Amino acid sequence: VQLQASGGDLVQAGGSLRLSCKASGRAFRSYVMGWFRQSPGKEREFVGSSSRNGVNRDYADSVKGRFTISRNNDDNTVYLQMNALKPEDTANYYCAAACRANSHVTLTLAGWYDYWGQGTQVTVSS
């Protein structure tokens, strides 16, 4: 599967953005989807994950209550709605996919994902 992330932009603190990640190929419903981010000089960190059926979602503590991951399995797209953005949210955001038989599992470790998008830059000014 190929992943194409978009939606990154420059936004003021307190603002909102919605990132999208479109998957090509078949069987999008077979994939757990995740969002990660990476800032210069830092390791890639987990942001959020959606189970295959979209029912179960998991978030990093740093974004809980502000970010929401969702997916449209009919459109092969996963979204990350980001509200109340902070300067520390500035990073390159990556979507990722992992094929799993269990439709309810979420994945929080980058090493568990098989496919990665190219990243989209989010910059939050203070």
C-alpha atoms as a PDB file:
ATOM      1  CA  VAL A   1       0.000   0.000   0.000  1.00  0.00           C
ATOM      2  CA  GLN A   2       1.169   3.539  -0.725  1.00  0.00           C
ATOM      3  CA  LEU A   3       0.319   6.401   1.615  1.00  0.00           C
ATOM      4  CA  GLN A   4       0.040  10.079   0.719  1.00  0.00           C
ATOM      5  CA  ALA A   5      -0.228  12.541   3.607  1.00  0.00           C
ATOM      6  CA  SER A   6      -1.413  16.117   3.193  1.00  0.00           C
ATOM      7  CA  GLY A   7      -2.841  19.044   5.109  1.00  0.00           C
ATOM      8  CA  GLY A   8       0.219  20.359   6.914  1.00  0.00           C
ATOM      9  CA  ASP A   9       0.521  24.108   7.199  1.00  0.00           C
ATOM     10  CA  LEU A  10       1.684  27.060   9.283  1.00  0.00           C
ATOM     11  CA  VAL A  11      -0.875  27.900  11.983  1.00  0.00           C
ATOM     12  CA  GLN A  12      -0.978  30.074  15.080  1.00  0.00           C
ATOM     13  CA  ALA A  13      -1.059  28.581  18.553  1.00  0.00           C
ATOM     14  CA  GLY A  14      -4.618  27.683  19.515  1.00  0.00           C
ATOM     15  CA  GLY A  15      -5.586  27.017  15.925  1.00  0.00           C
ATOM     16  CA  SER A  16      -6.686  23.829  14.195  1.00  0.00           C
ATOM     17  CA  LEU A  17      -5.602  21.695  11.262  1.00  0.00           C
ATOM     18  CA  ARG A  18      -6.841  18.484   9.718  1.00  0.00           C
ATOM     19  CA  LEU A  19      -4.325  16.121   8.195  1.00  0.00           C
ATOM     20  CA  SER A  20      -5.354  13.522   5.629  1.00  0.00           C
ATOM     21  CA  CYS A  21      -3.657  10.339   4.529  1.00  0.00           C
ATOM     22  CA  LYS A  22      -4.900   8.640   1.385  1.00  0.00           C
ATOM     23  CA  ALA A  23      -4.006   5.015   0.793  1.00  0.00           C
ATOM     24  CA  SER A  24      -3.705   3.444  -2.623  1.00  0.00           C
ATOM     25  CA  GLY A  25      -4.290  -0.203  -3.359  1.00  0.00           C
ATOM     26  CA  ARG A  26      -6.845  -2.583  -2.041  1.00  0.00           C
ATOM     27  CA  ALA A  27      -7.823  -3.845   1.378  1.00  0.00           C
ATOM     28  CA  PHE A  28      -7.498  -0.575   3.306  1.00  0.00           C
ATOM     29  CA  ARG A  29      -9.864  -2.136   5.829  1.00  0.00           C
ATOM     30  CA  SER A  30      -7.161  -4.681   6.659  1.00  0.00           C
ATOM     31  CA  TYR A  31      -4.801  -2.044   8.017  1.00  0.00           C
ATOM     32  CA  VAL A  32      -4.367  -0.523  11.416  1.00  0.00           C
ATOM     33  CA  MET A  33      -3.559   3.140  10.761  1.00  0.00           C
ATOM     34  CA  GLY A  34      -1.336   5.408  12.789  1.00  0.00           C
ATOM     35  CA  TRP A  35       0.044   8.918  12.928  1.00  0.00           C
ATOM     36  CA  PHE A  36       3.544   9.736  14.135  1.00  0.00           C
ATOM     37  CA  ARG A  37       5.561  12.926  14.227  1.00  0.00           C
ATOM     38  CA  GLN A  38       9.200  13.885  14.220  1.00  0.00           C
ATOM     39  CA  SER A  39      10.982  17.140  14.986  1.00  0.00           C
ATOM     40  CA  PRO A  40      14.606  17.908  14.051  1.00  0.00           C
ATOM     41  CA  GLY A  41      16.964  16.204  16.462  1.00  0.00           C
ATOM     42  CA  LYS A  42      14.215  14.121  18.044  1.00  0.00           C
ATOM     43  CA  GLU A  43      13.061  10.567  17.588  1.00  0.00           C
ATOM     44  CA  ARG A  44       9.830   9.781  15.796  1.00  0.00           C
ATOM     45  CA  GLU A  45       7.009   9.684  18.327  1.00  0.00           C
ATOM     46  CA  PHE A  46       3.579   8.136  18.397  1.00  0.00           C
ATOM     47  CA  VAL A  47       0.584  10.456  18.031  1.00  0.00           C
ATOM     48  CA  GLY A  48      -2.486   8.301  17.454  1.00  0.00           C
ATOM     49  CA  SER A  49      -3.734   4.981  16.107  1.00  0.00           C
ATOM     50  CA  SER A  50      -7.037   3.698  14.768  1.00  0.00           C
ATOM     51  CA  SER A  51      -8.104   0.073  14.693  1.00  0.00           C
ATOM     52  CA  ARG A  52      -9.169  -1.416  11.384  1.00  0.00           C
ATOM     53  CA  ASN A  53     -12.833  -0.813  12.092  1.00  0.00           C
ATOM     54  CA  GLY A  54     -12.250   2.662  13.518  1.00  0.00           C
ATOM     55  CA  VAL A  55     -13.927   1.796  16.810  1.00  0.00           C
ATOM     56  CA  ASN A  56     -10.785   1.691  18.946  1.00  0.00           C
ATOM     57  CA  ARG A  57      -8.438   4.654  19.016  1.00  0.00           C
ATOM     58  CA  ASP A  58      -5.335   5.347  21.035  1.00  0.00           C
ATOM     59  CA  TYR A  59      -3.446   8.585  21.615  1.00  0.00           C
ATOM     60  CA  ALA A  60      -0.231   9.859  23.067  1.00  0.00           C
ATOM     61  CA  ASP A  61      -0.773  11.594  26.399  1.00  0.00           C
ATOM     62  CA  SER A  62       0.555  14.836  24.917  1.00  0.00           C
ATOM     63  CA  VAL A  63      -2.324  15.072  22.420  1.00  0.00           C
ATOM     64  CA  LYS A  64      -5.236  13.474  24.296  1.00  0.00           C
ATOM     65  CA  GLY A  65      -8.274  15.716  24.301  1.00  0.00           C
ATOM     66  CA  ARG A  66      -6.875  17.858  21.464  1.00  0.00           C
ATOM     67  CA  PHE A  67      -6.315  15.450  18.558  1.00  0.00           C
ATOM     68  CA  THR A  68      -8.766  12.983  17.014  1.00  0.00           C
ATOM     69  CA  ILE A  69      -7.944  10.202  14.586  1.00  0.00           C
ATOM     70  CA  SER A  70     -10.681   8.938  12.285  1.00  0.00           C
ATOM     71  CA  ARG A  71     -10.937   6.928   9.109  1.00  0.00           C
ATOM     72  CA  ASN A  72     -13.196   6.451   6.113  1.00  0.00           C
ATOM     73  CA  ASN A  73     -12.779   2.886   4.909  1.00  0.00           C
ATOM     74  CA  ASP A  74     -14.902   3.534   1.837  1.00  0.00           C
ATOM     75  CA  ASP A  75     -12.527   6.296   0.760  1.00  0.00           C
ATOM     76  CA  ASN A  76      -9.232   4.706   1.894  1.00  0.00           C
ATOM     77  CA  THR A  77      -8.440   7.744   4.014  1.00  0.00           C
ATOM     78  CA  VAL A  78      -7.373   8.346   7.609  1.00  0.00           C
ATOM     79  CA  TYR A  79      -7.569  11.775   9.210  1.00  0.00           C
ATOM     80  CA  LEU A  80      -5.969  13.552  12.133  1.00  0.00           C
ATOM     81  CA  GLN A  81      -7.982  16.471  13.454  1.00  0.00           C
ATOM     82  CA  MET A  82      -5.722  18.696  15.527  1.00  0.00           C
ATOM     83  CA  ASN A  83      -7.242  21.355  17.776  1.00  0.00           C
ATOM     84  CA  ALA A  84      -5.766  23.738  20.328  1.00  0.00           C
ATOM     85  CA  LEU A  85      -2.390  23.460  18.641  1.00  0.00           C
ATOM     86  CA  LYS A  86       0.732  24.340  20.600  1.00  0.00           C
ATOM     87  CA  PRO A  87       4.215  25.336  19.397  1.00  0.00           C
ATOM     88  CA  GLU A  88       5.485  21.984  20.690  1.00  0.00           C
ATOM     89  CA  ASP A  89       3.229  20.240  18.152  1.00  0.00           C
ATOM     90  CA  THR A  90       5.508  21.556  15.400  1.00  0.00           C
ATOM     91  CA  ALA A  91       6.852  18.543  13.515  1.00  0.00           C
ATOM     92  CA  ASN A  92       6.746  16.541  10.340  1.00  0.00           C
ATOM     93  CA  TYR A  93       3.709  14.275  10.622  1.00  0.00           C
ATOM     94  CA  TYR A  94       3.707  10.790   9.107  1.00  0.00           C
ATOM     95  CA  CYS A  95       0.902   8.322   8.546  1.00  0.00           C
ATOM     96  CA  ALA A  96       1.580   4.605   8.734  1.00  0.00           C
ATOM     97  CA  ALA A  97      -0.211   1.330   8.045  1.00  0.00           C
ATOM     98  CA  ALA A  98       0.058  -2.151   9.499  1.00  0.00           C
ATOM     99  CA  CYS A  99      -1.798  -5.208   8.256  1.00  0.00           C
ATOM    100  CA  ARG A 100      -3.450  -7.040  11.126  1.00  0.00           C
ATOM    101  CA  ALA A 101      -6.068  -9.782  11.342  1.00  0.00           C
ATOM    102  CA  ASN A 102      -7.581  -8.369  14.529  1.00  0.00           C
ATOM    103  CA  SER A 103     -10.044  -5.624  13.673  1.00  0.00           C
ATOM    104  CA  HIS A 104      -9.952  -4.085  17.149  1.00  0.00           C
ATOM    105  CA  VAL A 105      -6.243  -3.632  17.842  1.00  0.00           C
ATOM    106  CA  THR A 106      -4.362  -0.331  17.845  1.00  0.00           C
ATOM    107  CA  LEU A 107      -0.575  -0.026  17.560  1.00  0.00           C
ATOM    108  CA  THR A 108       1.617   2.516  19.313  1.00  0.00           C
ATOM    109  CA  LEU A 109       5.153   1.531  18.300  1.00  0.00           C
ATOM    110  CA  ALA A 110       6.650   2.674  15.009  1.00  0.00           C
ATOM    111  CA  GLY A 111       8.388  -0.669  14.499  1.00  0.00           C
ATOM    112  CA  TRP A 112       5.036  -2.452  14.224  1.00  0.00           C
ATOM    113  CA  TYR A 113       4.055  -0.538  11.104  1.00  0.00           C
ATOM    114  CA  ASP A 114       4.848  -1.835   7.622  1.00  0.00           C
ATOM    115  CA  TYR A 115       4.166   1.160   5.380  1.00  0.00           C
ATOM    116  CA  TRP A 116       4.847   4.864   5.775  1.00  0.00           C
ATOM    117  CA  GLY A 117       3.790   8.030   4.005  1.00  0.00           C
ATOM    118  CA  GLN A 118       6.180  10.826   3.068  1.00  0.00           C
ATOM    119  CA  GLY A 119       5.256  13.248   5.858  1.00  0.00           C
ATOM    120  CA  THR A 120       3.538  16.605   5.966  1.00  0.00           C
ATOM    121  CA  GLN A 121       4.955  19.581   7.884  1.00  0.00           C
ATOM    122  CA  VAL A 122       2.980  21.234  10.660  1.00  0.00           C
ATOM    123  CA  THR A 123       4.367  24.457  12.097  1.00  0.00           C
ATOM    124  CA  VAL A 124       2.679  26.161  15.040  1.00  0.00           C
ATOM    125  CA  SER A 125       3.750  29.726  15.766  1.00  0.00           C
ATOM    126  CA  SER A 126       3.495  31.260  19.216  1.00  0.00           C
END
